[in-house]
């Protein structure tokens, strides 16, 4: 992020305009993505999903062995809520 900050400072100085925000795109053949899943099982007496459940799913999905220098923030791409009906015989 240091290089982005330096580029913004340089652009502000050269243009005499204050830059409040920037969009940065990262691309290249050296980048790879990895999809993973996380899940949380709700107790039987609870039917509603709360914010902590969502955070727990994100934490579970991030539990993958990836070297720290190669890691970027997790970007959730979709959510699936599955339900099972339990029957007793």
C-alpha atoms as a PDB file:
ATOM      1  CA  UNK A   1       0.000   0.000   0.000  1.00  0.00           C
ATOM      2  CA  UNK A   2       2.995   2.266   0.426  1.00  0.00           C
ATOM      3  CA  UNK A   3       3.432   2.559  -3.342  1.00  0.00           C
ATOM      4  CA  UNK A   4      -0.244   3.569  -3.753  1.00  0.00           C
ATOM      5  CA  UNK A   5       0.142   6.261  -1.103  1.00  0.00           C
ATOM      6  CA  UNK A   6       3.308   7.540  -2.777  1.00  0.00           C
ATOM      7  CA  UNK A   7       1.551   7.669  -6.160  1.00  0.00           C
ATOM      8  CA  UNK A   8      -1.351   9.656  -4.663  1.00  0.00           C
ATOM      9  CA  UNK A   9       1.011  12.125  -2.967  1.00  0.00           C
ATOM     10  CA  UNK A  10       2.927  12.541  -6.223  1.00  0.00           C
ATOM     11  CA  UNK A  11      -0.273  13.096  -8.224  1.00  0.00           C
ATOM     12  CA  UNK A  12      -1.533  15.642  -5.669  1.00  0.00           C
ATOM     13  CA  UNK A  13       1.713  17.582  -5.820  1.00  0.00           C
ATOM     14  CA  UNK A  14       1.856  17.595  -9.610  1.00  0.00           C
ATOM     15  CA  UNK A  15      -1.809  18.517 -10.106  1.00  0.00           C
ATOM     16  CA  UNK A  16      -2.315  20.798  -7.077  1.00  0.00           C
ATOM     17  CA  UNK A  17      -5.544  18.864  -6.386  1.00  0.00           C
ATOM     18  CA  UNK A  18      -6.422  17.022  -3.173  1.00  0.00           C
ATOM     19  CA  UNK A  19      -7.284  13.397  -3.925  1.00  0.00           C
ATOM     20  CA  UNK A  20      -9.850  12.008  -1.510  1.00  0.00           C
ATOM     21  CA  UNK A  21     -10.141   8.439  -2.828  1.00  0.00           C
ATOM     22  CA  UNK A  22      -8.678   6.162  -5.462  1.00  0.00           C
ATOM     23  CA  UNK A  23      -9.599   2.877  -7.109  1.00  0.00           C
ATOM     24  CA  UNK A  24      -6.782   0.400  -7.472  1.00  0.00           C
ATOM     25  CA  UNK A  25      -6.924  -2.629  -9.745  1.00  0.00           C
ATOM     26  CA  UNK A  26      -4.529  -5.496  -9.241  1.00  0.00           C
ATOM     27  CA  UNK A  27      -4.043  -7.789 -12.213  1.00  0.00           C
ATOM     28  CA  UNK A  28      -1.506 -10.103 -13.722  1.00  0.00           C
ATOM     29  CA  UNK A  29      -0.709 -13.687 -14.517  1.00  0.00           C
ATOM     30  CA  UNK A  30       1.178 -13.949 -11.216  1.00  0.00           C
ATOM     31  CA  UNK A  31      -2.089 -13.684  -9.247  1.00  0.00           C
ATOM     32  CA  UNK A  32      -4.165 -16.686  -8.273  1.00  0.00           C
ATOM     33  CA  UNK A  33      -7.497 -17.077  -6.555  1.00  0.00           C
ATOM     34  CA  UNK A  34      -8.634 -19.810  -4.268  1.00  0.00           C
ATOM     35  CA  UNK A  35     -12.218 -20.645  -3.378  1.00  0.00           C
ATOM     36  CA  UNK A  36     -13.004 -22.234  -0.057  1.00  0.00           C
ATOM     37  CA  UNK A  37     -16.129 -22.884   1.962  1.00  0.00           C
ATOM     38  CA  UNK A  38     -16.991 -22.343   5.579  1.00  0.00           C
ATOM     39  CA  UNK A  39     -19.977 -23.535   7.564  1.00  0.00           C
ATOM     40  CA  UNK A  40     -21.603 -23.168  10.943  1.00  0.00           C
ATOM     41  CA  UNK A  41     -24.188 -25.503  12.402  1.00  0.00           C
ATOM     42  CA  UNK A  42     -26.943 -23.742  14.300  1.00  0.00           C
ATOM     43  CA  UNK A  43     -28.381 -25.268  17.460  1.00  0.00           C
ATOM     44  CA  UNK A  44     -31.699 -27.040  16.921  1.00  0.00           C
ATOM     45  CA  UNK A  45     -33.569 -24.478  19.039  1.00  0.00           C
ATOM     46  CA  UNK A  46     -32.473 -21.552  16.849  1.00  0.00           C
ATOM     47  CA  UNK A  47     -33.705 -20.798  13.330  1.00  0.00           C
ATOM     48  CA  UNK A  48     -32.348 -17.303  12.738  1.00  0.00           C
ATOM     49  CA  UNK A  49     -28.848 -16.517  11.483  1.00  0.00           C
ATOM     50  CA  UNK A  50     -27.134 -13.622  13.245  1.00  0.00           C
ATOM     51  CA  UNK A  51     -24.028 -11.538  12.483  1.00  0.00           C
ATOM     52  CA  UNK A  52     -21.810 -13.736  14.662  1.00  0.00           C
ATOM     53  CA  UNK A  53     -22.825 -16.782  12.614  1.00  0.00           C
ATOM     54  CA  UNK A  54     -21.778 -14.978   9.430  1.00  0.00           C
ATOM     55  CA  UNK A  55     -18.438 -13.993  10.984  1.00  0.00           C
ATOM     56  CA  UNK A  56     -17.881 -17.584  12.139  1.00  0.00           C
ATOM     57  CA  UNK A  57     -18.474 -18.839   8.583  1.00  0.00           C
ATOM     58  CA  UNK A  58     -15.930 -16.346   7.227  1.00  0.00           C
ATOM     59  CA  UNK A  59     -13.375 -17.430   9.837  1.00  0.00           C
ATOM     60  CA  UNK A  60     -13.935 -21.095   8.982  1.00  0.00           C
ATOM     61  CA  UNK A  61     -13.553 -20.394   5.262  1.00  0.00           C
ATOM     62  CA  UNK A  62     -10.239 -18.596   5.856  1.00  0.00           C
ATOM     63  CA  UNK A  63      -8.694 -21.571   7.685  1.00  0.00           C
ATOM     64  CA  UNK A  64      -6.437 -22.634   4.831  1.00  0.00           C
ATOM     65  CA  UNK A  65      -2.675 -22.977   4.795  1.00  0.00           C
ATOM     66  CA  UNK A  66      -1.464 -20.141   2.553  1.00  0.00           C
ATOM     67  CA  UNK A  67       1.901 -18.397   3.079  1.00  0.00           C
ATOM     68  CA  UNK A  68       1.346 -14.977   4.692  1.00  0.00           C
ATOM     69  CA  UNK A  69       3.227 -13.059   1.986  1.00  0.00           C
ATOM     70  CA  UNK A  70       0.832 -14.443  -0.631  1.00  0.00           C
ATOM     71  CA  UNK A  71      -2.392 -13.651   1.204  1.00  0.00           C
ATOM     72  CA  UNK A  72      -4.879 -10.927   0.318  1.00  0.00           C
ATOM     73  CA  UNK A  73      -8.093 -10.184   2.181  1.00  0.00           C
ATOM     74  CA  UNK A  74     -10.942 -12.628   1.878  1.00  0.00           C
ATOM     75  CA  UNK A  75     -13.691 -11.495  -0.472  1.00  0.00           C
ATOM     76  CA  UNK A  76     -16.947 -13.396   0.124  1.00  0.00           C
ATOM     77  CA  UNK A  77     -18.485 -14.193  -3.242  1.00  0.00           C
ATOM     78  CA  UNK A  78     -21.764 -15.856  -2.325  1.00  0.00           C
ATOM     79  CA  UNK A  79     -23.759 -17.302   0.515  1.00  0.00           C
ATOM     80  CA  UNK A  80     -25.854 -20.439   0.569  1.00  0.00           C
ATOM     81  CA  UNK A  81     -28.140 -21.266   3.439  1.00  0.00           C
ATOM     82  CA  UNK A  82     -28.911 -24.959   3.639  1.00  0.00           C
ATOM     83  CA  UNK A  83     -31.547 -26.529   5.796  1.00  0.00           C
ATOM     84  CA  UNK A  84     -32.052 -30.142   6.711  1.00  0.00           C
ATOM     85  CA  UNK A  85     -35.171 -31.713   8.105  1.00  0.00           C
ATOM     86  CA  UNK A  86     -34.507 -34.245  10.828  1.00  0.00           C
ATOM     87  CA  UNK A  87     -36.780 -37.211  11.279  1.00  0.00           C
ATOM     88  CA  UNK A  88     -36.571 -39.803  13.967  1.00  0.00           C
ATOM     89  CA  UNK A  89     -37.577 -43.419  13.388  1.00  0.00           C
END
